[in-house]
Protein backbone atom coordinates (compact mmCIF):
# COMPACT_ATOMS: atom_id res chain seq x y z
CA MET A 1 185.12 179.89 5.73
CA THR A 2 187.64 178.06 4.17
CA ILE A 3 187.19 174.39 3.08
CA GLU A 4 189.09 172.58 5.95
CA GLU A 5 186.96 174.75 8.13
CA ARG A 6 183.80 173.67 6.56
CA VAL A 7 184.58 170.28 6.30
CA ASP A 8 185.09 169.79 9.50
CA GLN A 9 181.85 171.43 10.46
CA LEU A 10 179.70 169.76 8.10
CA VAL A 11 180.73 166.10 8.93
CA ARG A 12 180.66 166.95 12.85
CA ASP A 13 177.04 167.75 11.64
CA ALA A 14 176.26 164.84 9.75
CA ASP A 15 177.37 162.06 12.33
CA PRO A 16 174.80 159.96 12.29
CA GLY A 17 175.73 159.01 16.18
CA ARG A 18 174.34 162.44 17.52
CA LEU A 19 171.14 162.40 15.45
CA GLY A 20 167.63 162.35 17.22
CA VAL A 21 164.16 162.98 16.18
CA ILE A 22 162.61 165.79 14.22
CA GLY A 23 160.69 168.36 15.90
CA ASP A 24 158.86 171.20 15.28
CA LEU A 25 159.69 175.13 15.76
CA GLY A 26 160.19 174.69 19.50
CA GLY A 27 158.45 178.42 20.49
CA VAL A 28 160.55 180.24 17.75
CA LYS A 29 157.87 182.70 16.23
CA GLN A 30 157.33 181.70 12.29
CA SER A 31 158.11 185.13 11.40
CA LEU A 32 161.65 185.31 12.88
CA LEU A 33 162.30 181.72 11.08
CA GLU A 34 161.18 183.25 7.82
CA GLU A 35 163.02 186.39 8.02
CA ILE A 36 166.18 183.99 8.47
CA MET A 37 165.07 182.13 5.52
CA SER A 38 165.42 184.79 3.16
CA GLU A 39 169.39 183.94 3.64
CA SER A 40 170.97 180.80 3.07
CA MET A 41 174.33 179.65 2.75
CA ILE A 42 175.11 176.80 0.08
CA VAL A 43 177.39 173.70 0.98
CA SER A 44 178.36 170.32 0.06
CA VAL A 45 179.28 167.31 1.74
CA VAL A 46 182.94 166.13 1.21
CA PRO A 47 184.61 163.38 2.95
CA LYS A 48 186.41 164.73 6.14
CA ARG A 49 190.15 164.45 6.09
CA ARG A 50 192.19 162.95 8.88
CA TYR A 51 193.60 166.01 10.33
CA ARG A 52 192.85 169.85 10.90
CA VAL A 53 194.49 172.15 8.82
CA ASN A 54 192.65 175.47 8.98
CA ARG A 55 194.97 177.60 7.60
CA PHE A 56 192.94 180.76 7.44
CA ALA A 57 193.33 182.64 4.01
CA SER A 58 191.70 185.88 5.34
CA VAL A 59 193.24 186.31 8.81
CA ALA A 60 195.37 189.51 7.94
CA ALA A 61 193.03 191.33 10.16
CA ALA A 62 194.58 189.39 13.47
CA ALA A 63 198.24 190.91 13.27
CA ALA A 64 200.97 191.11 15.22
CA VAL A 65 200.70 192.32 19.02
CA LEU A 66 202.82 195.22 20.15
CA VAL A 67 203.83 195.79 23.52
CA SER A 68 203.72 199.47 25.13
CA VAL A 69 201.93 201.31 28.44
CA VAL A 70 198.29 202.10 27.76
CA PRO A 71 195.82 203.30 30.53
CA ALA A 72 194.45 200.82 33.40
CA SER A 73 192.17 197.81 32.48
CA MET A 74 188.47 197.94 31.09
CA ALA A 75 185.94 196.43 33.02
CA LEU A 76 183.89 193.64 31.45
CA GLN A 77 180.25 194.22 29.34
CA GLY A 78 178.54 190.89 31.17
CA HIS A 79 177.40 190.87 34.50
CA SER A 80 179.58 188.24 36.09
CA GLU A 81 179.97 190.54 39.23
CA GLU A 82 176.50 190.76 39.58
CA ARG A 83 176.44 186.91 39.68
CA GLY A 84 179.29 186.71 41.95
CA LEU A 85 181.33 184.66 39.70
CA ALA A 86 185.04 184.25 39.49
CA PRO A 87 186.76 187.08 37.51
CA ILE A 88 187.92 186.64 34.21
CA ALA A 89 190.92 188.09 33.04
CA THR A 90 192.20 191.39 34.03
CA PRO A 91 193.73 193.26 30.79
CA ASP A 92 197.24 193.50 31.16
CA ALA A 93 198.10 197.42 31.72
CA GLN A 94 201.34 196.92 29.61
CA VAL A 95 200.19 195.62 26.34
CA VAL A 96 198.98 197.17 23.56
CA TYR A 97 197.44 195.44 20.90
CA SER A 98 197.75 196.30 17.11
CA PRO A 99 194.73 198.08 15.51
CA GLN A 100 194.12 194.96 13.24
CA VAL A 101 194.33 192.33 16.23
CA LEU A 102 191.64 194.84 17.98
CA ALA A 103 189.20 195.35 14.66
CA ALA A 104 189.39 191.58 14.58
CA ALA A 105 188.73 191.08 18.15
CA GLU A 106 185.79 193.64 17.91
CA ARG A 107 183.83 191.89 15.39
CA ASN A 108 183.80 188.74 16.61
CA PRO A 109 181.62 188.07 19.42
CA ARG A 110 183.94 187.90 22.70
CA LEU A 111 182.55 185.22 24.87
CA LEU A 112 183.80 183.78 27.75
CA ILE A 113 183.21 181.32 30.52
CA SER A 114 183.16 183.59 33.65
CA ARG A 115 184.05 180.43 36.28
CA SER A 116 187.24 179.62 37.76
CA GLY A 117 188.80 176.57 36.07
CA TRP A 118 187.76 177.20 32.66
CA LYS A 119 190.81 177.45 30.15
CA VAL A 120 191.26 178.68 26.53
CA ILE A 121 192.75 175.58 24.78
CA SER A 122 192.44 175.98 21.08
CA LEU A 123 191.88 179.19 18.96
CA HIS A 124 191.71 179.55 15.51
CA GLY A 125 190.09 181.14 12.52
CA PHE A 126 189.39 184.60 13.91
CA THR A 127 188.41 185.99 10.25
CA ASP A 128 185.44 188.36 9.92
CA ASP A 129 183.01 185.94 9.62
CA TYR A 130 184.15 182.55 11.02
CA GLY A 131 186.43 181.54 13.92
CA THR A 132 186.26 179.19 17.29
CA ILE A 133 187.12 178.97 20.42
CA ALA A 134 187.37 175.90 22.64
CA PHE A 135 187.33 175.94 26.86
CA ARG A 136 187.86 172.64 28.98
CA ARG A 137 187.69 172.46 32.54
CA GLY A 138 188.43 168.64 33.82
CA GLY A 139 186.85 166.68 31.18
CA ARG A 140 184.45 168.75 29.89
CA GLU A 141 184.72 171.01 26.68
CA LEU A 142 182.87 173.42 25.15
CA GLU A 143 183.68 175.00 21.21
CA MET A 144 182.14 178.21 20.17
CA THR A 145 182.04 178.76 16.74
CA TRP A 146 181.13 182.30 14.85
CA TYR A 147 179.46 182.33 11.74
CA SER A 148 178.03 184.78 9.57
CA ALA A 149 174.86 185.42 9.51
CA ALA A 150 173.83 184.19 6.45
CA GLY A 151 174.63 180.54 7.26
CA TYR A 152 172.13 180.74 10.41
CA ALA A 153 168.73 179.47 8.75
CA ASP A 154 170.58 176.39 7.14
CA ARG A 155 171.69 175.39 10.16
CA TYR A 156 168.59 175.75 12.33
CA ALA A 157 166.95 173.44 10.09
CA ASP A 158 169.76 171.22 10.32
CA ARG A 159 169.36 171.29 14.33
CA LEU A 160 165.78 170.66 14.13
CA ASP A 161 166.46 167.07 12.69
CA VAL A 162 168.30 166.90 16.03
CA SER A 163 165.97 167.35 18.53
CA PRO A 164 163.35 170.28 19.10
CA ALA A 165 164.19 173.89 19.54
CA ARG A 166 163.97 174.73 23.65
CA SER A 167 165.06 178.70 23.89
CA VAL A 168 167.60 180.06 26.24
CA GLN A 169 169.42 183.06 27.10
CA VAL A 170 173.18 183.55 26.91
CA ASP A 171 173.91 187.05 28.93
CA ARG A 172 170.83 188.35 27.22
CA TRP A 173 171.49 186.72 24.06
CA PRO A 174 168.38 185.05 22.82
CA GLY A 175 169.42 181.53 21.44
CA ASP A 176 168.08 177.86 20.87
CA LEU A 177 169.05 174.76 22.57
CA PHE A 178 168.85 171.61 20.70
CA GLU A 179 170.01 168.07 22.92
CA TYR A 180 171.82 164.81 21.11
CA PHE A 181 171.20 161.17 22.08
CA SER A 182 174.49 161.24 23.39
CA GLY A 183 173.93 163.63 26.17
CA ASP A 184 175.84 166.59 24.04
CA PHE A 185 173.60 169.68 23.88
CA SER A 186 174.06 172.62 21.44
CA VAL A 187 172.94 175.92 21.12
CA LEU A 188 172.57 178.46 18.51
CA LEU A 189 172.72 182.53 19.22
CA ARG A 190 170.31 183.94 16.92
CA PRO A 191 171.73 186.21 14.60
CA ARG A 192 173.17 189.52 16.37
CA ASP A 193 175.49 192.20 14.26
CA GLY A 194 176.11 189.91 11.15
CA MET A 195 176.75 186.62 12.70
CA PHE A 196 175.70 184.20 14.76
CA VAL A 197 177.08 181.68 17.28
CA GLU A 198 177.12 177.68 17.94
CA MET A 199 178.22 176.61 20.90
CA GLN A 200 178.26 172.22 21.52
CA SER A 201 179.56 170.63 24.14
CA SER A 202 181.56 167.51 24.32
CA GLY A 203 182.37 164.93 27.74
CA ASN A 204 180.26 164.04 30.35
CA TRP A 205 177.03 166.58 30.63
CA SER A 206 173.84 166.68 32.27
CA ARG A 207 171.50 169.13 31.36
CA LYS A 208 171.54 170.63 34.52
CA ASP A 209 175.54 171.28 34.05
CA PHE A 210 175.04 172.54 30.39
CA ASP A 211 172.41 175.31 31.95
CA ARG A 212 174.92 176.27 34.93
CA VAL A 213 177.51 176.69 32.36
CA LEU A 214 175.37 178.96 30.19
CA ALA A 215 174.64 181.25 33.18
CA ASP A 216 178.23 181.45 33.62
CA ILE A 217 179.12 182.88 30.02
CA VAL A 218 179.43 186.98 29.47
CA ARG A 219 180.25 188.84 26.71
CA VAL A 220 183.27 191.18 27.51
CA ASP A 221 185.06 193.98 25.88
CA VAL A 222 187.58 193.45 23.57
CA ARG A 223 190.61 193.67 25.76
CA THR A 224 189.54 191.84 28.31
CA TRP A 225 188.59 189.00 26.06
CA LEU A 226 192.22 189.24 24.13
CA ALA A 227 193.94 189.29 27.97
CA SER A 228 191.86 185.88 28.67
CA LEU A 229 193.88 184.13 26.05
CA PRO A 230 196.80 181.86 26.70
CA ALA A 231 199.96 184.46 25.96
CA GLU A 232 201.57 182.13 23.66
CA MET A 233 198.81 182.80 21.35
CA VAL A 234 199.00 186.56 21.22
CA VAL A 235 203.08 187.09 21.19
CA PRO A 236 203.53 188.67 17.93
CA VAL A 237 203.44 186.54 14.74
CA ARG A 238 207.56 187.07 14.19
CA ALA A 239 208.54 185.82 17.19
CA ARG A 240 206.52 182.96 17.26
CA ALA A 241 207.78 182.47 14.05
CA ALA A 242 211.49 182.89 14.69
CA GLY A 243 211.33 180.13 17.32
CA VAL A 244 209.41 177.53 14.38
CA LEU A 245 211.31 178.42 12.04
CA ALA A 246 214.85 177.94 13.77
CA ASP A 247 215.60 174.71 12.17
CA VAL A 248 213.82 175.00 9.07
CA PRO A 249 215.25 175.51 5.68
CA LEU A 250 213.63 178.64 4.12
CA PRO A 251 212.94 178.78 0.13
CA PRO A 252 215.23 181.20 -1.87
CA GLY A 253 212.90 184.55 -1.29
CA PHE A 254 210.60 183.43 1.42
CA ASP A 255 208.73 186.59 3.09
CA VAL A 256 208.41 186.17 6.73
CA ALA A 257 206.57 189.26 7.26
CA ALA A 258 203.44 187.17 4.70
CA LEU A 259 203.44 184.95 8.02
CA GLU A 260 201.36 187.87 9.34
CA ASP A 261 198.57 186.40 7.91
CA ILE A 262 198.08 183.55 9.89
CA GLY A 263 197.13 185.85 12.45
CA VAL A 264 196.05 184.93 16.36
CA SER A 265 195.69 180.97 16.68
CA ASP A 266 196.83 178.26 19.21
CA SER A 267 200.08 176.74 18.65
CA TYR A 268 198.99 173.77 16.46
CA HIS A 269 197.24 176.01 13.94
CA PHE A 270 200.05 178.19 14.03
CA GLY A 271 202.47 175.37 13.55
CA VAL A 272 200.72 174.23 10.33
CA GLY A 273 200.25 178.01 9.08
CA VAL A 274 203.98 178.60 9.27
CA THR A 275 205.10 174.54 7.49
CA SER A 276 202.43 174.94 4.92
CA ALA A 277 203.95 178.51 3.62
CA VAL A 278 207.47 177.29 3.98
CA GLY A 279 206.16 173.60 2.05
CA CYS A 280 204.83 175.91 -0.90
CA GLY A 281 207.54 178.25 -1.08
CA TRP A 282 209.83 174.94 -1.92
CA VAL A 283 207.38 173.39 -4.31
CA ALA A 284 207.13 176.84 -5.93
CA GLU A 285 211.19 176.31 -6.03
CA TRP A 286 211.17 172.83 -7.25
CA LEU A 287 208.73 173.45 -10.28
CA ARG A 288 210.59 176.64 -11.32
CA ALA A 289 213.65 174.41 -11.16
CA ARG A 290 212.14 171.89 -12.84
CA ALA A 291 210.92 173.94 -15.64
CA GLY A 292 214.62 175.87 -16.15
CA GLY A 293 216.82 172.80 -16.10
CA ASP A 294 218.73 173.56 -13.03
CA GLU A 295 219.16 169.97 -11.36
CA ALA A 296 221.03 171.66 -8.17
CA ALA A 297 218.30 173.82 -7.22
CA VAL A 298 215.91 171.01 -7.84
CA ARG A 299 217.94 168.81 -5.41
CA ARG A 300 218.19 171.40 -2.71
CA ALA A 301 214.26 171.69 -2.54
CA ALA A 302 213.98 168.02 -2.75
CA ASP A 303 216.52 167.68 0.25
CA ALA A 304 214.72 170.44 2.13
CA LEU A 305 211.51 168.30 1.80
CA ARG A 306 212.78 165.48 2.91
CA SER A 307 214.42 167.29 6.06
CA SER A 308 211.20 168.08 7.22
CA HIS A 309 211.03 164.74 8.85
CA GLY A 310 213.33 166.37 11.40
CA TRP A 311 211.41 169.90 11.70
CA ARG A 312 211.19 170.42 15.45
CA VAL A 313 207.73 171.64 14.76
CA LEU A 314 206.12 169.36 12.90
CA ARG A 315 207.91 166.37 15.08
CA ASP A 316 206.04 168.61 18.26
CA MET A 317 202.91 168.68 16.28
CA ASN A 318 202.84 164.89 15.83
CA LYS A 319 201.58 164.39 19.31
CA ALA A 320 198.40 166.79 18.64
CA GLY A 321 196.91 166.00 15.33
CA ASP A 322 198.05 164.28 11.77
CA TRP A 323 198.88 167.37 9.93
CA PRO A 324 202.69 166.44 10.18
CA GLU A 325 201.93 162.55 8.82
CA VAL A 326 200.14 164.60 5.87
CA PHE A 327 202.74 167.19 5.49
CA TRP A 328 205.21 164.50 5.21
CA GLU A 329 203.48 162.11 3.06
CA TYR A 330 203.51 165.23 0.32
CA ALA A 331 206.70 166.35 0.70
CA ASP A 332 208.22 162.64 0.09
CA GLU A 333 206.24 162.19 -2.83
CA ILE A 334 207.55 165.83 -4.45
CA ALA A 335 210.87 164.85 -3.26
CA ALA A 336 211.02 161.89 -5.06
CA GLY A 337 209.82 163.68 -8.51
CA THR A 338 205.90 163.54 -8.04
CA LEU A 339 203.71 166.38 -8.11
CA PRO A 340 200.68 165.15 -6.04
CA ALA A 341 197.51 166.33 -7.84
CA GLY A 342 196.03 167.72 -4.38
CA TYR A 343 199.00 169.25 -2.72
CA PRO A 344 197.64 172.89 -3.42
CA GLN A 345 194.40 172.74 -1.43
CA ASN A 346 195.85 170.49 1.63
CA TRP A 347 198.65 172.69 1.96
CA ASP A 348 196.62 176.00 1.12
CA CYS A 349 199.18 177.30 -1.32
CA ALA A 350 197.99 179.91 -3.32
C-alpha cells in the first residue's frame, strides 16, 4: 500500500462521526482471533491530504490489454444463476488480456454485485496486496478494498471500537459486519488466500438494504471480473496515454512505455499517474539544467511546467478532484525557481 492509500484509509477509519461503542468479539472464536493477531501491520497516522493521488508504484502486474480472438466466455464461479439475479458481464469473445493483467486479476478477490443497476465507478490499486473498486447504484455506493492478510488483526480490532461484530457471509466467504451511528456499514471478510476484504457503504442505507446487497455479491472468474469493468479502464495503456498526452509537452528522454506501471485504473487515477510521471520528468530536467548551468533548458522546463494549467487532462480532472490544484501549485513554484520540499512524495517521483 502506498503512503497516499494508507493516509486515505487511516483518516476514514479515524472519522469521529462514525465511531460507535466498544463491543465484544461478536461470536468470533477467540482462538481464531489469537491466530490472526500473530500478524500485524504497523502504520502511522498522518494528516489527510486534500486530494486522492493513489499512483501505485507496484502496479506493473496490471499491464496492457491486447486484442485477439479467444474461445467462448467463461461462467460465473458464484451462484447468481441459482438466485435468479441479473447476469453480470459476459466476457467478450474478441478480447484477450495480457498475462500480467490476468495474473493480477487472479490475485484479487474479484467480487461483483450481481444485481442490475450497479456500475463500477472507480478502480485503483490492482497490486499484489492492495486495491479498491467502488460500485454505485442511484445514491448508494459500496466500496470494496482488498489488503494483505497481515493487516487483518489491527483492522478487526479497530472495527470493534465501532460496534459489536455480527457474523455474515458473502458468497460463502465468512465475515463480520459493523454498523456506524451514521447508518453506514462495514464488512470485514476474513483472511483467505493471503488477503482480506473490507466493504464499506455510503449513502442512504438501511440494514435490510445492506443485507440484500450482501446476498447479491458473488465471486467470479478472472475474465468475468475484467469484462465487468468499464471499457476505458482496460484500454491498452499506450493508447490511453496517447490521448492524455496529446497536448502535453514531454521532457527529454520520457519513456511512454514506463506508463504501463499505472495499469488498470479509472480515468482520474490514470490521469494522476500520467501527469505525475511527466511532472517528475520535467523536474529532473530542470534540476539537471540548473546544475549544469544550461539556462535555455531551465527555461524550457519552467515553461513546460507553467503550461500545465492548459493541459486538457488536468482541466478535465479538476472537476472531479484536487490533484490538478496540487500539481499546479508545485509546478508554479518550481517554474518560479523554488524546489518544494514535498514534491517527490506528492508527485511520487522516484
